[in-house]
């Protein structure tokens, strides 16, 4: 199947993008996926479109403290040498 996507370029505020990168890793979402989902909702859902149209990004404000989910680290199992001992009589 052919990938019919439009290439585009956007410019973002650097600190906002840095915050997104951290959250994106923790939440496992790419910027492309986020933009596609938001554009879809903007086109299909009038309440979402109105919210976006009426939202102003606070400029010059301090970065927002974001609670990132804790992803547990799973330690790999410890492999020990189990030499096969054979007794020869």
C-alpha atoms as a PDB file:
ATOM      1  CA  UNK A   1       0.000   0.000   0.000  1.00  0.00           C
ATOM      2  CA  UNK A   2       1.331   3.431  -0.939  1.00  0.00           C
ATOM      3  CA  UNK A   3       1.937   5.989   1.813  1.00  0.00           C
ATOM      4  CA  UNK A   4      -0.001   9.087   0.683  1.00  0.00           C
ATOM      5  CA  UNK A   5       1.018  11.649   3.295  1.00  0.00           C
ATOM      6  CA  UNK A   6       1.703  15.335   2.797  1.00  0.00           C
ATOM      7  CA  UNK A   7       5.090  16.626   3.934  1.00  0.00           C
ATOM      8  CA  UNK A   8       4.954  19.903   5.841  1.00  0.00           C
ATOM      9  CA  UNK A   9       7.147  21.972   8.127  1.00  0.00           C
ATOM     10  CA  UNK A  10       6.144  23.661  11.358  1.00  0.00           C
ATOM     11  CA  UNK A  11       7.977  25.939  13.779  1.00  0.00           C
ATOM     12  CA  UNK A  12       7.461  25.517  17.506  1.00  0.00           C
ATOM     13  CA  UNK A  13       8.523  27.412  20.588  1.00  0.00           C
ATOM     14  CA  UNK A  14      11.717  25.539  21.674  1.00  0.00           C
ATOM     15  CA  UNK A  15      10.846  25.101  25.359  1.00  0.00           C
ATOM     16  CA  UNK A  16       7.343  23.887  24.523  1.00  0.00           C
ATOM     17  CA  UNK A  17       8.791  21.396  22.031  1.00  0.00           C
ATOM     18  CA  UNK A  18      11.358  20.214  24.613  1.00  0.00           C
ATOM     19  CA  UNK A  19       8.556  19.577  27.095  1.00  0.00           C
ATOM     20  CA  UNK A  20       6.624  17.677  24.429  1.00  0.00           C
ATOM     21  CA  UNK A  21       9.638  15.485  23.590  1.00  0.00           C
ATOM     22  CA  UNK A  22       9.883  14.339  27.215  1.00  0.00           C
ATOM     23  CA  UNK A  23       6.159  13.644  27.451  1.00  0.00           C
ATOM     24  CA  UNK A  24       6.127  12.066  24.004  1.00  0.00           C
ATOM     25  CA  UNK A  25       8.740   9.538  25.078  1.00  0.00           C
ATOM     26  CA  UNK A  26       6.928   8.723  28.320  1.00  0.00           C
ATOM     27  CA  UNK A  27       3.527   8.480  26.638  1.00  0.00           C
ATOM     28  CA  UNK A  28       4.908   6.845  23.509  1.00  0.00           C
ATOM     29  CA  UNK A  29       3.448   9.307  21.033  1.00  0.00           C
ATOM     30  CA  UNK A  30       5.249  11.015  18.179  1.00  0.00           C
ATOM     31  CA  UNK A  31       4.680  14.567  17.068  1.00  0.00           C
ATOM     32  CA  UNK A  32       3.257  13.236  13.810  1.00  0.00           C
ATOM     33  CA  UNK A  33       0.708  11.087  15.652  1.00  0.00           C
ATOM     34  CA  UNK A  34      -0.275  13.975  17.904  1.00  0.00           C
ATOM     35  CA  UNK A  35      -0.696  16.372  14.985  1.00  0.00           C
ATOM     36  CA  UNK A  36      -2.683  13.848  12.944  1.00  0.00           C
ATOM     37  CA  UNK A  37      -5.035  13.188  15.866  1.00  0.00           C
ATOM     38  CA  UNK A  38      -5.489  16.886  16.592  1.00  0.00           C
ATOM     39  CA  UNK A  39      -6.095  17.760  12.949  1.00  0.00           C
ATOM     40  CA  UNK A  40      -8.614  14.920  12.675  1.00  0.00           C
ATOM     41  CA  UNK A  41     -10.508  16.130  15.743  1.00  0.00           C
ATOM     42  CA  UNK A  42     -10.305  19.746  14.558  1.00  0.00           C
ATOM     43  CA  UNK A  43     -11.909  18.788  11.248  1.00  0.00           C
ATOM     44  CA  UNK A  44     -14.506  16.346  12.616  1.00  0.00           C
ATOM     45  CA  UNK A  45     -15.482  17.752  16.036  1.00  0.00           C
ATOM     46  CA  UNK A  46     -16.897  21.247  16.313  1.00  0.00           C
ATOM     47  CA  UNK A  47     -16.507  21.514  20.130  1.00  0.00           C
ATOM     48  CA  UNK A  48     -12.804  20.622  19.825  1.00  0.00           C
ATOM     49  CA  UNK A  49     -12.415  23.126  16.965  1.00  0.00           C
ATOM     50  CA  UNK A  50     -14.042  25.843  19.080  1.00  0.00           C
ATOM     51  CA  UNK A  51     -11.772  25.029  22.042  1.00  0.00           C
ATOM     52  CA  UNK A  52      -8.689  25.272  19.847  1.00  0.00           C
ATOM     53  CA  UNK A  53      -9.856  28.468  18.169  1.00  0.00           C
ATOM     54  CA  UNK A  54     -10.485  30.102  21.557  1.00  0.00           C
ATOM     55  CA  UNK A  55      -7.270  28.900  23.222  1.00  0.00           C
ATOM     56  CA  UNK A  56      -4.323  31.266  23.648  1.00  0.00           C
ATOM     57  CA  UNK A  57      -0.903  29.919  24.532  1.00  0.00           C
ATOM     58  CA  UNK A  58       0.442  31.922  27.474  1.00  0.00           C
ATOM     59  CA  UNK A  59       3.671  33.473  26.169  1.00  0.00           C
ATOM     60  CA  UNK A  60       6.564  34.152  28.479  1.00  0.00           C
ATOM     61  CA  UNK A  61       5.123  32.014  31.240  1.00  0.00           C
ATOM     62  CA  UNK A  62       7.099  29.539  33.249  1.00  0.00           C
ATOM     63  CA  UNK A  63       7.204  25.991  31.941  1.00  0.00           C
ATOM     64  CA  UNK A  64       4.322  23.926  33.196  1.00  0.00           C
ATOM     65  CA  UNK A  65       5.193  21.249  35.704  1.00  0.00           C
ATOM     66  CA  UNK A  66       4.096  18.023  34.112  1.00  0.00           C
ATOM     67  CA  UNK A  67       3.640  14.818  35.983  1.00  0.00           C
ATOM     68  CA  UNK A  68       5.197  12.134  33.854  1.00  0.00           C
ATOM     69  CA  UNK A  69       4.152   8.542  34.300  1.00  0.00           C
ATOM     70  CA  UNK A  70       6.626   6.297  36.022  1.00  0.00           C
ATOM     71  CA  UNK A  71       7.716   3.513  33.748  1.00  0.00           C
ATOM     72  CA  UNK A  72       9.029   0.622  35.813  1.00  0.00           C
ATOM     73  CA  UNK A  73      12.423  -0.731  34.922  1.00  0.00           C
ATOM     74  CA  UNK A  74      12.357  -4.476  34.567  1.00  0.00           C
ATOM     75  CA  UNK A  75      15.660  -6.067  35.334  1.00  0.00           C
ATOM     76  CA  UNK A  76      16.656  -8.915  33.047  1.00  0.00           C
ATOM     77  CA  UNK A  77      16.903 -12.309  34.711  1.00  0.00           C
ATOM     78  CA  UNK A  78      20.280 -13.190  36.140  1.00  0.00           C
ATOM     79  CA  UNK A  79      21.933 -15.951  34.185  1.00  0.00           C
ATOM     80  CA  UNK A  80      24.231 -18.157  36.179  1.00  0.00           C
ATOM     81  CA  UNK A  81      26.543 -20.775  34.865  1.00  0.00           C
ATOM     82  CA  UNK A  82      25.135 -24.217  35.531  1.00  0.00           C
ATOM     83  CA  UNK A  83      27.909 -26.496  34.455  1.00  0.00           C
ATOM     84  CA  UNK A  84      26.677 -29.984  33.851  1.00  0.00           C
ATOM     85  CA  UNK A  85      28.484 -32.221  36.249  1.00  0.00           C
ATOM     86  CA  UNK A  86      28.820 -35.777  35.286  1.00  0.00           C
ATOM     87  CA  UNK A  87      30.383 -38.342  37.472  1.00  0.00           C
ATOM     88  CA  UNK A  88      32.346 -40.985  35.717  1.00  0.00           C
ATOM     89  CA  UNK A  89      32.772 -44.199  37.703  1.00  0.00           C
END
